[in-house]
N, C-alpha and C. Protein backbone atom coordinates (compact mmCIF):
# COMPACT_ATOMS: atom_id res chain seq x y z
N LEU A 1 66.01 15.20 -22.84
CA LEU A 1 66.31 13.79 -22.77
C LEU A 1 66.64 13.43 -21.32
N SER A 2 66.18 12.27 -20.90
CA SER A 2 66.38 11.87 -19.51
C SER A 2 66.95 10.46 -19.44
N TRP A 3 67.90 10.26 -18.54
CA TRP A 3 68.41 8.91 -18.31
C TRP A 3 67.57 8.20 -17.26
N GLY A 4 66.71 8.90 -16.58
CA GLY A 4 65.85 8.32 -15.56
C GLY A 4 64.39 8.49 -15.94
N TYR A 5 63.53 8.12 -15.04
CA TYR A 5 62.10 8.18 -15.29
C TYR A 5 61.57 9.56 -14.96
N GLN A 6 60.94 10.18 -15.91
CA GLN A 6 60.26 11.46 -15.72
C GLN A 6 58.94 11.39 -16.45
N LYS A 7 57.85 11.72 -15.81
CA LYS A 7 56.56 11.70 -16.48
C LYS A 7 56.16 13.14 -16.79
N LYS A 8 56.85 13.69 -17.80
CA LYS A 8 56.58 15.05 -18.23
C LYS A 8 56.53 15.07 -19.74
N GLU A 9 55.63 15.86 -20.27
CA GLU A 9 55.42 15.88 -21.71
C GLU A 9 56.66 16.25 -22.51
N ARG A 10 57.46 17.17 -22.00
CA ARG A 10 58.61 17.66 -22.75
C ARG A 10 59.89 16.86 -22.51
N ILE A 11 59.81 15.81 -21.70
CA ILE A 11 60.99 15.00 -21.40
C ILE A 11 60.83 13.64 -22.05
N LYS A 12 61.85 13.21 -22.76
CA LYS A 12 61.87 11.91 -23.42
C LYS A 12 62.74 10.96 -22.59
N ASN A 13 62.13 9.90 -22.07
CA ASN A 13 62.86 8.89 -21.30
C ASN A 13 63.58 7.97 -22.28
N LEU A 14 64.87 7.85 -22.14
CA LEU A 14 65.64 7.03 -23.06
C LEU A 14 66.33 5.88 -22.36
N PHE A 15 67.46 6.14 -21.76
CA PHE A 15 68.27 5.11 -21.14
C PHE A 15 69.23 5.79 -20.19
N ASN A 16 70.00 5.00 -19.49
CA ASN A 16 70.97 5.51 -18.55
C ASN A 16 72.26 5.81 -19.31
N PHE A 17 72.53 7.09 -19.56
CA PHE A 17 73.72 7.49 -20.31
C PHE A 17 75.01 6.97 -19.67
N LYS A 18 74.99 6.82 -18.35
CA LYS A 18 76.17 6.38 -17.61
C LYS A 18 76.64 4.99 -18.04
N THR A 19 75.71 4.14 -18.48
CA THR A 19 76.05 2.76 -18.83
C THR A 19 76.26 2.56 -20.33
N LEU A 20 76.04 3.59 -21.12
CA LEU A 20 76.12 3.47 -22.57
C LEU A 20 77.53 3.06 -23.02
N ASN A 21 77.61 1.94 -23.74
CA ASN A 21 78.87 1.42 -24.29
C ASN A 21 79.96 1.22 -23.23
N LYS A 22 79.57 0.91 -22.02
CA LYS A 22 80.53 0.72 -20.94
C LYS A 22 80.39 -0.69 -20.38
N ARG A 23 81.49 -1.32 -20.09
CA ARG A 23 81.50 -2.66 -19.50
C ARG A 23 82.26 -2.61 -18.18
N ILE A 24 81.73 -3.30 -17.22
CA ILE A 24 82.42 -3.45 -15.93
C ILE A 24 82.48 -4.94 -15.66
N SER A 25 83.65 -5.42 -15.32
CA SER A 25 83.75 -6.83 -14.95
C SER A 25 83.82 -6.92 -13.43
N TYR A 26 83.47 -8.05 -12.93
CA TYR A 26 83.50 -8.29 -11.49
C TYR A 26 84.25 -9.58 -11.24
N LYS A 27 84.61 -9.83 -10.00
CA LYS A 27 85.36 -11.03 -9.63
C LYS A 27 84.39 -12.14 -9.23
N SER A 28 84.46 -13.24 -9.94
CA SER A 28 83.57 -14.36 -9.61
C SER A 28 83.91 -14.95 -8.24
N ASN A 29 85.08 -14.66 -7.73
CA ASN A 29 85.47 -15.11 -6.39
C ASN A 29 85.65 -13.91 -5.45
N GLY A 30 84.96 -12.83 -5.77
CA GLY A 30 85.13 -11.58 -5.03
C GLY A 30 84.31 -11.48 -3.77
N LYS A 31 84.01 -10.27 -3.39
CA LYS A 31 83.37 -9.97 -2.12
C LYS A 31 81.86 -9.78 -2.25
N LEU A 32 81.19 -9.84 -1.12
CA LEU A 32 79.79 -9.46 -1.02
C LEU A 32 79.78 -7.98 -0.68
N ILE A 33 79.17 -7.17 -1.53
CA ILE A 33 79.07 -5.73 -1.29
C ILE A 33 77.62 -5.42 -0.90
N ILE A 34 77.41 -4.86 0.28
CA ILE A 34 76.07 -4.48 0.74
C ILE A 34 75.97 -2.97 0.70
N VAL A 35 75.01 -2.45 -0.06
CA VAL A 35 74.88 -1.01 -0.29
C VAL A 35 73.61 -0.50 0.38
N PHE A 36 73.80 0.48 1.28
CA PHE A 36 72.67 1.10 1.96
C PHE A 36 72.26 2.40 1.28
N ALA A 37 70.99 2.73 1.40
CA ALA A 37 70.45 3.98 0.85
C ALA A 37 70.89 5.17 1.69
N TYR A 38 70.83 6.35 1.08
CA TYR A 38 71.07 7.59 1.79
C TYR A 38 69.94 7.82 2.77
N LEU A 39 70.25 8.22 3.98
CA LEU A 39 69.23 8.52 4.98
C LEU A 39 68.92 10.01 4.95
N SER A 40 67.69 10.34 4.71
CA SER A 40 67.29 11.74 4.58
C SER A 40 67.00 12.35 5.95
N ASN A 41 67.24 13.65 6.06
CA ASN A 41 66.91 14.37 7.29
C ASN A 41 65.42 14.60 7.43
N VAL A 42 64.70 14.51 6.33
CA VAL A 42 63.25 14.69 6.35
C VAL A 42 62.61 13.45 5.78
N SER A 43 61.43 13.17 6.24
CA SER A 43 60.73 12.00 5.76
C SER A 43 60.33 12.20 4.30
N ASP A 44 60.71 11.25 3.43
CA ASP A 44 60.31 11.32 2.03
C ASP A 44 58.82 11.04 1.88
N ASN A 45 58.31 10.24 2.73
CA ASN A 45 56.87 10.00 2.82
C ASN A 45 56.59 9.50 4.23
N LEU A 46 55.36 9.22 4.52
CA LEU A 46 55.01 8.81 5.88
C LEU A 46 55.54 7.43 6.24
N TYR A 47 56.01 6.69 5.26
CA TYR A 47 56.50 5.35 5.51
C TYR A 47 57.86 5.33 6.20
N PHE A 48 58.75 6.24 5.83
CA PHE A 48 60.12 6.22 6.37
C PHE A 48 60.19 6.95 7.70
N THR A 49 59.89 6.24 8.74
CA THR A 49 59.97 6.77 10.09
C THR A 49 61.25 6.24 10.73
N PRO A 50 61.69 6.84 11.83
CA PRO A 50 62.89 6.31 12.51
C PRO A 50 62.73 4.84 12.89
N ASP A 51 61.54 4.45 13.27
CA ASP A 51 61.29 3.06 13.65
C ASP A 51 61.48 2.12 12.45
N VAL A 52 60.96 2.50 11.29
CA VAL A 52 61.09 1.68 10.08
C VAL A 52 62.55 1.60 9.66
N ILE A 53 63.25 2.72 9.68
CA ILE A 53 64.66 2.73 9.30
C ILE A 53 65.47 1.83 10.23
N SER A 54 65.26 1.95 11.54
CA SER A 54 65.98 1.12 12.51
C SER A 54 65.69 -0.36 12.30
N LYS A 55 64.42 -0.71 12.08
CA LYS A 55 64.06 -2.12 11.84
C LYS A 55 64.72 -2.64 10.59
N ASP A 56 64.77 -1.84 9.53
CA ASP A 56 65.43 -2.27 8.28
C ASP A 56 66.92 -2.53 8.51
N ILE A 57 67.56 -1.63 9.24
CA ILE A 57 68.99 -1.80 9.52
C ILE A 57 69.23 -3.02 10.40
N LEU A 58 68.42 -3.20 11.42
CA LEU A 58 68.58 -4.36 12.30
C LEU A 58 68.29 -5.67 11.56
N SER A 59 67.38 -5.62 10.59
CA SER A 59 67.08 -6.80 9.79
C SER A 59 68.30 -7.24 8.98
N ILE A 60 68.96 -6.32 8.35
CA ILE A 60 70.15 -6.69 7.55
C ILE A 60 71.31 -7.09 8.46
N THR A 61 71.41 -6.51 9.64
CA THR A 61 72.48 -6.93 10.56
C THR A 61 72.26 -8.37 11.01
N ARG A 62 71.01 -8.78 11.20
CA ARG A 62 70.73 -10.18 11.55
C ARG A 62 71.17 -11.12 10.42
N VAL A 63 70.92 -10.71 9.19
CA VAL A 63 71.35 -11.52 8.04
C VAL A 63 72.87 -11.62 8.02
N ILE A 64 73.55 -10.50 8.20
CA ILE A 64 75.01 -10.49 8.18
C ILE A 64 75.58 -11.38 9.27
N LYS A 65 75.02 -11.30 10.46
CA LYS A 65 75.53 -12.10 11.59
C LYS A 65 75.34 -13.59 11.37
N ARG A 66 74.39 -13.98 10.53
CA ARG A 66 74.16 -15.40 10.23
C ARG A 66 75.10 -15.94 9.15
N LEU A 67 75.78 -15.05 8.45
CA LEU A 67 76.69 -15.48 7.39
C LEU A 67 77.86 -16.26 7.97
N ASP A 68 78.34 -17.22 7.23
CA ASP A 68 79.54 -17.94 7.60
C ASP A 68 80.69 -16.95 7.77
N LYS A 69 81.61 -17.25 8.68
CA LYS A 69 82.74 -16.33 8.94
C LYS A 69 83.54 -16.04 7.69
N SER A 70 83.70 -17.03 6.82
CA SER A 70 84.48 -16.81 5.59
C SER A 70 83.79 -15.81 4.67
N ILE A 71 82.47 -15.78 4.67
CA ILE A 71 81.73 -14.80 3.86
C ILE A 71 81.80 -13.43 4.52
N ARG A 72 81.61 -13.38 5.83
CA ARG A 72 81.71 -12.09 6.54
C ARG A 72 83.08 -11.45 6.34
N LYS A 73 84.11 -12.27 6.29
CA LYS A 73 85.47 -11.77 6.08
C LYS A 73 85.58 -11.08 4.72
N ASP A 74 84.81 -11.55 3.76
CA ASP A 74 84.82 -10.99 2.41
C ASP A 74 83.58 -10.16 2.11
N THR A 75 83.06 -9.48 3.13
CA THR A 75 81.89 -8.62 2.97
C THR A 75 82.27 -7.17 3.25
N ILE A 76 81.79 -6.29 2.39
CA ILE A 76 82.00 -4.85 2.59
C ILE A 76 80.63 -4.20 2.69
N LEU A 77 80.42 -3.46 3.76
CA LEU A 77 79.19 -2.72 3.96
C LEU A 77 79.41 -1.30 3.47
N ARG A 78 78.71 -0.90 2.43
CA ARG A 78 78.87 0.44 1.84
C ARG A 78 77.84 1.39 2.46
N LEU A 79 78.33 2.27 3.29
CA LEU A 79 77.49 3.31 3.89
C LEU A 79 77.81 4.63 3.20
N ASN A 80 77.05 5.63 3.52
CA ASN A 80 77.36 6.99 3.05
C ASN A 80 77.39 7.91 4.26
N ARG A 81 77.74 9.13 4.04
CA ARG A 81 77.95 10.06 5.16
C ARG A 81 76.70 10.26 6.02
N SER A 82 75.52 10.00 5.50
CA SER A 82 74.30 10.19 6.28
C SER A 82 74.25 9.29 7.51
N PHE A 83 74.91 8.15 7.50
CA PHE A 83 74.89 7.23 8.64
C PHE A 83 75.69 7.77 9.82
N TYR A 84 76.53 8.76 9.59
CA TYR A 84 77.38 9.31 10.63
C TYR A 84 76.80 10.59 11.26
N LYS A 85 75.66 11.04 10.73
CA LYS A 85 74.98 12.23 11.26
C LYS A 85 73.83 11.79 12.15
N LYS A 86 73.40 12.69 13.00
CA LYS A 86 72.19 12.42 13.78
C LYS A 86 70.99 12.76 12.91
N ILE A 87 70.16 11.77 12.69
CA ILE A 87 68.95 11.95 11.89
C ILE A 87 67.81 11.42 12.74
N TYR A 88 66.78 12.21 12.90
CA TYR A 88 65.66 11.86 13.80
C TYR A 88 66.17 11.60 15.21
N GLY A 89 67.28 12.22 15.57
CA GLY A 89 67.84 12.05 16.91
C GLY A 89 68.69 10.81 17.09
N LEU A 90 68.87 10.03 16.00
CA LEU A 90 69.65 8.79 16.09
C LEU A 90 70.87 8.87 15.18
N LYS A 91 71.94 8.19 15.60
CA LYS A 91 73.12 8.03 14.76
C LYS A 91 73.11 6.57 14.31
N TYR A 92 72.64 6.33 13.09
CA TYR A 92 72.37 4.97 12.62
C TYR A 92 73.63 4.13 12.47
N PHE A 93 74.79 4.76 12.35
CA PHE A 93 76.05 4.00 12.28
C PHE A 93 76.22 3.13 13.52
N ASP A 94 75.74 3.60 14.66
CA ASP A 94 75.87 2.85 15.91
C ASP A 94 75.20 1.47 15.84
N LEU A 95 74.20 1.32 14.97
CA LEU A 95 73.53 0.02 14.81
C LEU A 95 74.37 -0.96 14.00
N LEU A 96 75.39 -0.45 13.31
CA LEU A 96 76.16 -1.27 12.38
C LEU A 96 77.63 -1.44 12.74
N LYS A 97 78.12 -0.67 13.68
CA LYS A 97 79.57 -0.59 13.89
C LYS A 97 80.21 -1.86 14.44
N ASP A 98 79.46 -2.71 15.10
CA ASP A 98 80.05 -3.88 15.75
C ASP A 98 79.58 -5.21 15.17
N ILE A 99 79.37 -5.28 13.86
CA ILE A 99 78.87 -6.53 13.29
C ILE A 99 79.97 -7.36 12.64
N GLY A 100 81.21 -6.92 12.74
CA GLY A 100 82.33 -7.76 12.34
C GLY A 100 82.61 -7.84 10.85
N ILE A 101 82.29 -6.80 10.11
CA ILE A 101 82.63 -6.78 8.68
C ILE A 101 83.28 -5.44 8.34
N THR A 102 83.89 -5.37 7.17
CA THR A 102 84.52 -4.14 6.72
C THR A 102 83.44 -3.12 6.35
N ILE A 103 83.63 -1.88 6.80
CA ILE A 103 82.68 -0.82 6.47
C ILE A 103 83.38 0.21 5.60
N ASP A 104 82.80 0.48 4.44
CA ASP A 104 83.27 1.54 3.55
C ASP A 104 82.38 2.73 3.80
N ASP A 105 82.98 3.87 4.12
CA ASP A 105 82.19 5.05 4.50
C ASP A 105 81.80 5.92 3.31
N GLY A 106 81.81 5.36 2.12
CA GLY A 106 81.37 6.09 0.94
C GLY A 106 82.47 6.83 0.21
N LYS A 107 83.70 6.74 0.70
CA LYS A 107 84.79 7.46 0.06
C LYS A 107 85.33 6.74 -1.17
N LYS A 108 85.20 5.43 -1.20
CA LYS A 108 85.70 4.66 -2.33
C LYS A 108 84.73 4.80 -3.51
N ASN A 109 85.26 4.95 -4.70
CA ASN A 109 84.44 5.04 -5.90
C ASN A 109 83.63 3.76 -6.05
N MET A 110 82.33 3.91 -6.29
CA MET A 110 81.45 2.74 -6.35
C MET A 110 81.84 1.79 -7.48
N SER A 111 82.26 2.30 -8.62
CA SER A 111 82.64 1.40 -9.71
C SER A 111 83.88 0.57 -9.34
N LYS A 112 84.79 1.14 -8.55
CA LYS A 112 85.94 0.37 -8.07
C LYS A 112 85.50 -0.68 -7.06
N LEU A 113 84.55 -0.32 -6.23
CA LEU A 113 84.04 -1.26 -5.24
C LEU A 113 83.34 -2.44 -5.94
N ILE A 114 82.58 -2.16 -6.98
CA ILE A 114 81.88 -3.21 -7.71
C ILE A 114 82.86 -4.16 -8.38
N LYS A 115 84.00 -3.66 -8.81
CA LYS A 115 85.01 -4.52 -9.43
C LYS A 115 85.57 -5.55 -8.46
N GLU A 116 85.40 -5.31 -7.16
CA GLU A 116 85.83 -6.26 -6.13
C GLU A 116 84.72 -7.25 -5.79
N ALA A 117 83.54 -7.08 -6.38
CA ALA A 117 82.35 -7.82 -5.96
C ALA A 117 82.19 -9.16 -6.65
N ARG A 118 81.62 -10.05 -5.91
CA ARG A 118 81.08 -11.28 -6.45
C ARG A 118 79.56 -11.15 -6.53
N LEU A 119 79.01 -10.42 -5.55
CA LEU A 119 77.57 -10.20 -5.45
C LEU A 119 77.34 -8.85 -4.78
N CYS A 120 76.40 -8.09 -5.29
CA CYS A 120 76.01 -6.82 -4.66
C CYS A 120 74.59 -6.97 -4.11
N LEU A 121 74.43 -6.56 -2.88
CA LEU A 121 73.12 -6.58 -2.23
C LEU A 121 72.74 -5.15 -1.92
N PHE A 122 71.65 -4.68 -2.49
CA PHE A 122 71.16 -3.32 -2.26
C PHE A 122 70.00 -3.38 -1.28
N THR A 123 69.98 -2.47 -0.32
CA THR A 123 68.90 -2.44 0.66
C THR A 123 67.77 -1.52 0.23
N TYR A 124 67.77 -1.13 -1.02
CA TYR A 124 66.72 -0.26 -1.56
C TYR A 124 66.71 -0.42 -3.08
N ASP A 125 65.69 0.11 -3.74
CA ASP A 125 65.59 -0.03 -5.20
C ASP A 125 66.46 1.03 -5.87
N SER A 126 67.73 0.75 -5.88
CA SER A 126 68.76 1.68 -6.33
C SER A 126 68.91 1.68 -7.85
N THR A 127 69.27 2.83 -8.39
CA THR A 127 69.68 2.90 -9.79
C THR A 127 70.91 2.03 -10.00
N GLY A 128 71.73 1.92 -8.96
CA GLY A 128 72.91 1.05 -9.02
C GLY A 128 72.54 -0.39 -9.30
N PHE A 129 71.42 -0.85 -8.76
CA PHE A 129 70.94 -2.20 -9.03
C PHE A 129 70.65 -2.35 -10.53
N LEU A 130 69.97 -1.36 -11.10
CA LEU A 130 69.65 -1.41 -12.53
C LEU A 130 70.91 -1.34 -13.38
N GLU A 131 71.87 -0.54 -12.97
CA GLU A 131 73.14 -0.47 -13.70
C GLU A 131 73.86 -1.81 -13.64
N ASN A 132 73.86 -2.45 -12.48
CA ASN A 132 74.49 -3.77 -12.35
C ASN A 132 73.78 -4.79 -13.25
N TYR A 133 72.48 -4.67 -13.37
CA TYR A 133 71.71 -5.55 -14.25
C TYR A 133 72.20 -5.39 -15.69
N ILE A 134 72.40 -4.16 -16.12
CA ILE A 134 72.90 -3.89 -17.47
C ILE A 134 74.31 -4.45 -17.64
N TYR A 135 75.15 -4.32 -16.61
CA TYR A 135 76.53 -4.81 -16.66
C TYR A 135 76.63 -6.32 -16.45
N ASN A 136 75.50 -6.97 -16.13
CA ASN A 136 75.47 -8.40 -15.85
C ASN A 136 76.26 -8.77 -14.59
N ILE A 137 76.16 -7.92 -13.58
CA ILE A 137 76.80 -8.16 -12.29
C ILE A 137 75.75 -8.71 -11.33
N PRO A 138 75.97 -9.88 -10.76
CA PRO A 138 74.97 -10.47 -9.86
C PRO A 138 74.61 -9.51 -8.72
N SER A 139 73.30 -9.25 -8.58
CA SER A 139 72.82 -8.28 -7.59
C SER A 139 71.45 -8.68 -7.07
N ILE A 140 71.19 -8.28 -5.84
CA ILE A 140 69.92 -8.58 -5.16
C ILE A 140 69.43 -7.30 -4.50
N ILE A 141 68.11 -7.10 -4.50
CA ILE A 141 67.52 -6.05 -3.67
C ILE A 141 66.96 -6.74 -2.43
N PHE A 142 67.44 -6.33 -1.27
CA PHE A 142 66.97 -6.87 0.01
C PHE A 142 66.17 -5.77 0.67
N SER A 143 64.88 -5.98 0.78
CA SER A 143 64.02 -4.95 1.35
C SER A 143 62.97 -5.62 2.23
N ASN A 144 62.39 -4.84 3.11
CA ASN A 144 61.36 -5.43 3.97
C ASN A 144 60.10 -5.72 3.15
N LYS A 145 59.22 -6.50 3.72
CA LYS A 145 58.05 -6.96 2.97
C LYS A 145 57.09 -5.84 2.59
N ASN A 146 57.24 -4.67 3.17
CA ASN A 146 56.34 -3.55 2.86
C ASN A 146 56.95 -2.56 1.88
N TYR A 147 58.00 -2.95 1.15
CA TYR A 147 58.67 -2.00 0.27
C TYR A 147 57.74 -1.45 -0.82
N LEU A 148 56.72 -2.20 -1.18
CA LEU A 148 55.81 -1.71 -2.22
C LEU A 148 55.04 -0.46 -1.78
N ASN A 149 55.04 -0.17 -0.48
CA ASN A 149 54.40 1.06 0.01
C ASN A 149 55.09 2.30 -0.54
N CYS A 150 56.34 2.15 -0.99
CA CYS A 150 57.14 3.30 -1.43
C CYS A 150 57.17 3.44 -2.95
N ILE A 151 56.54 2.55 -3.67
CA ILE A 151 56.60 2.55 -5.13
C ILE A 151 55.43 3.36 -5.68
N ASN A 152 55.71 4.19 -6.70
CA ASN A 152 54.62 4.99 -7.26
C ASN A 152 53.63 4.08 -7.99
N ASN A 153 52.42 4.59 -8.17
CA ASN A 153 51.33 3.78 -8.72
C ASN A 153 51.64 3.23 -10.11
N GLU A 154 52.35 3.98 -10.92
CA GLU A 154 52.67 3.53 -12.27
C GLU A 154 53.68 2.38 -12.27
N SER A 155 54.61 2.38 -11.33
CA SER A 155 55.64 1.34 -11.25
C SER A 155 55.18 0.11 -10.48
N TYR A 156 54.15 0.25 -9.68
CA TYR A 156 53.68 -0.84 -8.82
C TYR A 156 53.47 -2.15 -9.58
N PRO A 157 52.73 -2.16 -10.72
CA PRO A 157 52.54 -3.44 -11.43
C PRO A 157 53.85 -4.06 -11.91
N LYS A 158 54.84 -3.25 -12.25
CA LYS A 158 56.13 -3.78 -12.70
C LYS A 158 56.85 -4.48 -11.56
N PHE A 159 56.80 -3.89 -10.37
CA PHE A 159 57.43 -4.52 -9.21
C PHE A 159 56.69 -5.79 -8.80
N LYS A 160 55.38 -5.79 -8.91
CA LYS A 160 54.60 -7.00 -8.61
C LYS A 160 54.99 -8.12 -9.57
N GLU A 161 55.20 -7.78 -10.83
CA GLU A 161 55.62 -8.78 -11.82
C GLU A 161 57.00 -9.33 -11.48
N LEU A 162 57.91 -8.47 -11.03
CA LEU A 162 59.25 -8.93 -10.63
C LEU A 162 59.17 -9.92 -9.47
N GLN A 163 58.23 -9.70 -8.56
CA GLN A 163 58.08 -10.62 -7.43
C GLN A 163 57.72 -12.02 -7.90
N LYS A 164 56.99 -12.13 -9.00
CA LYS A 164 56.54 -13.43 -9.50
C LYS A 164 57.65 -14.20 -10.20
N LYS A 165 58.66 -13.52 -10.71
CA LYS A 165 59.70 -14.15 -11.53
C LYS A 165 60.55 -15.10 -10.69
N LYS A 166 60.92 -16.18 -11.31
CA LYS A 166 61.84 -17.15 -10.71
C LYS A 166 63.08 -17.15 -11.59
N PHE A 167 64.20 -16.68 -11.06
CA PHE A 167 65.45 -16.63 -11.80
C PHE A 167 66.24 -17.89 -11.52
N THR A 168 66.31 -18.76 -12.51
CA THR A 168 66.95 -20.06 -12.31
C THR A 168 68.24 -20.20 -13.07
N ASN A 169 68.66 -19.17 -13.80
CA ASN A 169 69.86 -19.30 -14.62
C ASN A 169 71.12 -18.84 -13.89
N TYR A 170 71.08 -18.68 -12.57
CA TYR A 170 72.28 -18.28 -11.83
C TYR A 170 72.77 -19.43 -11.00
């Protein structure tokens, strides 16, 4: 039995056991939580180059810098330990350290962090985004326009369909 996607004959894809019969509430007047992906020491595919990673990080920093000061004051940037290591010869934390918002270095439990949230913004197609969807926690995936380059062929049509949807009930 699998809580994630596996395309193997002997594995049955069911659901995310972590979310089964569990409710998480969030603060409607809470914070903006921005969650970054783990940075790998090796390229997962030819798409994730140091240049692409740097551009993605600089793109989100431009968005953050455009936010009203009152929103930036209530924004938490969730990084993980990979941002503090040299990867591809770069220390990616240096691109984020001076943008004027609170940075969580991954030590805080994510479910506690979400309880402080009004909105979660994921910079990648995270399982956390899907879990938030199940919990009915407002969430957005913010990715560059070429993110479909990283989606497997079987999932590609599903992501294309999501692009077409207009969510008007929020």
